[in-house]
C-alpha atoms as a PDB file:
ATOM      1  CA  MET A   1      -8.482  -8.366  26.677  1.00  0.00           C
ATOM      2  CA  ASN A   2      -5.102  -8.519  24.949  1.00  0.00           C
ATOM      3  CA  ASP A   3      -6.862  -9.017  21.617  1.00  0.00           C
ATOM      4  CA  LEU A   4      -8.873  -5.845  22.219  1.00  0.00           C
ATOM      5  CA  VAL A   5      -5.724  -3.900  23.072  1.00  0.00           C
ATOM      6  CA  ASP A   6      -4.092  -5.135  19.854  1.00  0.00           C
ATOM      7  CA  LEU A   7      -7.205  -4.227  17.877  1.00  0.00           C
ATOM      8  CA  VAL A   8      -7.388  -0.699  19.276  1.00  0.00           C
ATOM      9  CA  ARG A   9      -3.879  -0.074  17.897  1.00  0.00           C
ATOM     10  CA  THR A  10      -5.101  -0.629  14.331  1.00  0.00           C
ATOM     11  CA  LYS A  11      -6.879   1.793  12.006  1.00  0.00           C
ATOM     12  CA  LEU A  12     -10.481   2.023  13.222  1.00  0.00           C
ATOM     13  CA  THR A  13     -13.439   4.298  12.735  1.00  0.00           C
ATOM     14  CA  LYS A  14     -14.289   6.648  15.574  1.00  0.00           C
ATOM     15  CA  MET A  15     -17.303   4.479  16.541  1.00  0.00           C
ATOM     16  CA  GLN A  16     -15.190   1.309  16.544  1.00  0.00           C
ATOM     17  CA  MET A  17     -12.549   3.016  18.711  1.00  0.00           C
ATOM     18  CA  VAL A  18     -15.148   4.217  21.232  1.00  0.00           C
ATOM     19  CA  THR A  19     -16.758   0.769  21.384  1.00  0.00           C
ATOM     20  CA  ILE A  20     -13.484  -1.095  21.859  1.00  0.00           C
ATOM     21  CA  ASN A  21     -12.283   1.365  24.495  1.00  0.00           C
ATOM     22  CA  ALA A  22     -15.542   0.821  26.400  1.00  0.00           C
ATOM     23  CA  LEU A  23     -15.085  -2.961  26.194  1.00  0.00           C
ATOM     24  CA  ILE A  24     -11.535  -2.651  27.539  1.00  0.00           C
ATOM     25  CA  VAL A  25     -12.739  -0.564  30.501  1.00  0.00           C
ATOM     26  CA  ILE A  26     -15.487  -3.100  31.252  1.00  0.00           C
ATOM     27  CA  ASP A  27     -13.036  -6.021  31.050  1.00  0.00           C
ATOM     28  CA  VAL A  28     -10.479  -4.338  33.319  1.00  0.00           C
ATOM     29  CA  HIS A  29     -13.168  -3.533  35.876  1.00  0.00           C
ATOM     30  CA  ALA A  30     -14.466  -7.115  35.805  1.00  0.00           C
ATOM     31  CA  LYS A  31     -10.926  -8.443  36.290  1.00  0.00           C
ATOM     32  CA  ASP A  32     -10.443  -6.116  39.258  1.00  0.00           C
ATOM     33  CA  VAL A  33     -13.737  -7.235  40.802  1.00  0.00           C
ATOM     34  CA  VAL A  34     -12.827 -10.910  40.501  1.00  0.00           C
ATOM     35  CA  GLU A  35      -9.407 -10.236  42.022  1.00  0.00           C
ATOM     36  CA  LEU A  36     -10.984  -8.291  44.917  1.00  0.00           C
ATOM     37  CA  LEU A  37     -13.413 -11.123  45.657  1.00  0.00           C
ATOM     38  CA  TRP A  38     -10.608 -13.685  45.479  1.00  0.00           C
ATOM     39  CA  ARG A  39      -8.147 -11.701  47.644  1.00  0.00           C
ATOM     40  CA  ASN A  40     -10.806 -11.110  50.307  1.00  0.00           C
ATOM     41  CA  ASN A  41     -11.907 -14.757  50.257  1.00  0.00           C
ATOM     42  CA  ILE A  42     -15.495 -13.806  49.483  1.00  0.00           C
ATOM     43  CA  SER A  43     -17.360 -17.093  49.184  1.00  0.00           C
ATOM     44  CA  ASP A  44     -20.770 -16.261  50.617  1.00  0.00           C
ATOM     45  CA  VAL A  45     -23.291 -15.054  48.029  1.00  0.00           C
ATOM     46  CA  SER A  46     -24.948 -12.925  50.709  1.00  0.00           C
ATOM     47  CA  SER A  47     -21.737 -10.929  51.310  1.00  0.00           C
ATOM     48  CA  PHE A  48     -22.033  -7.266  50.418  1.00  0.00           C
ATOM     49  CA  GLU A  49     -18.909  -7.485  48.282  1.00  0.00           C
ATOM     50  CA  TRP A  50     -20.593 -10.140  46.148  1.00  0.00           C
ATOM     51  CA  ILE A  51     -24.051  -8.569  46.046  1.00  0.00           C
ATOM     52  CA  SER A  52     -22.689  -5.193  44.971  1.00  0.00           C
ATOM     53  CA  GLN A  53     -20.945  -6.606  41.880  1.00  0.00           C
ATOM     54  CA  LEU A  54     -21.678  -8.569  38.747  1.00  0.00           C
ATOM     55  CA  ARG A  55     -22.692 -12.170  39.211  1.00  0.00           C
ATOM     56  CA  TYR A  56     -20.443 -14.980  38.017  1.00  0.00           C
ATOM     57  CA  TYR A  57     -21.904 -18.420  37.345  1.00  0.00           C
ATOM     58  CA  TRP A  58     -20.540 -21.703  36.050  1.00  0.00           C
ATOM     59  CA  GLU A  59     -22.685 -23.021  33.199  1.00  0.00           C
ATOM     60  CA  LYS A  60     -21.560 -26.006  31.133  1.00  0.00           C
ATOM     61  CA  ASP A  61     -17.874 -25.573  32.060  1.00  0.00           C
ATOM     62  CA  ASN A  62     -17.955 -21.825  31.264  1.00  0.00           C
ATOM     63  CA  CYS A  63     -17.856 -18.866  33.596  1.00  0.00           C
ATOM     64  CA  MET A  64     -20.847 -16.639  32.794  1.00  0.00           C
ATOM     65  CA  VAL A  65     -21.072 -13.007  33.916  1.00  0.00           C
ATOM     66  CA  LYS A  66     -24.482 -11.445  34.502  1.00  0.00           C
ATOM     67  CA  CYS A  67     -25.620  -8.015  35.634  1.00  0.00           C
ATOM     68  CA  ILE A  68     -28.302  -7.459  38.234  1.00  0.00           C
END
């Protein structure tokens, strides 16, 4: 996310700026979702809080994020 913030401060085309701003918003939202799940100790995949968000999976030592 920090790399995107640094990049958005450089000279970009309008399309590049719009795209990077959208990526920043998506990343901030995802970070907030993960923090919410962690703070509320959500560990059951059938919990509403989990079902209503993106899905996070561990695959080959990487955290993967998937939409419904």
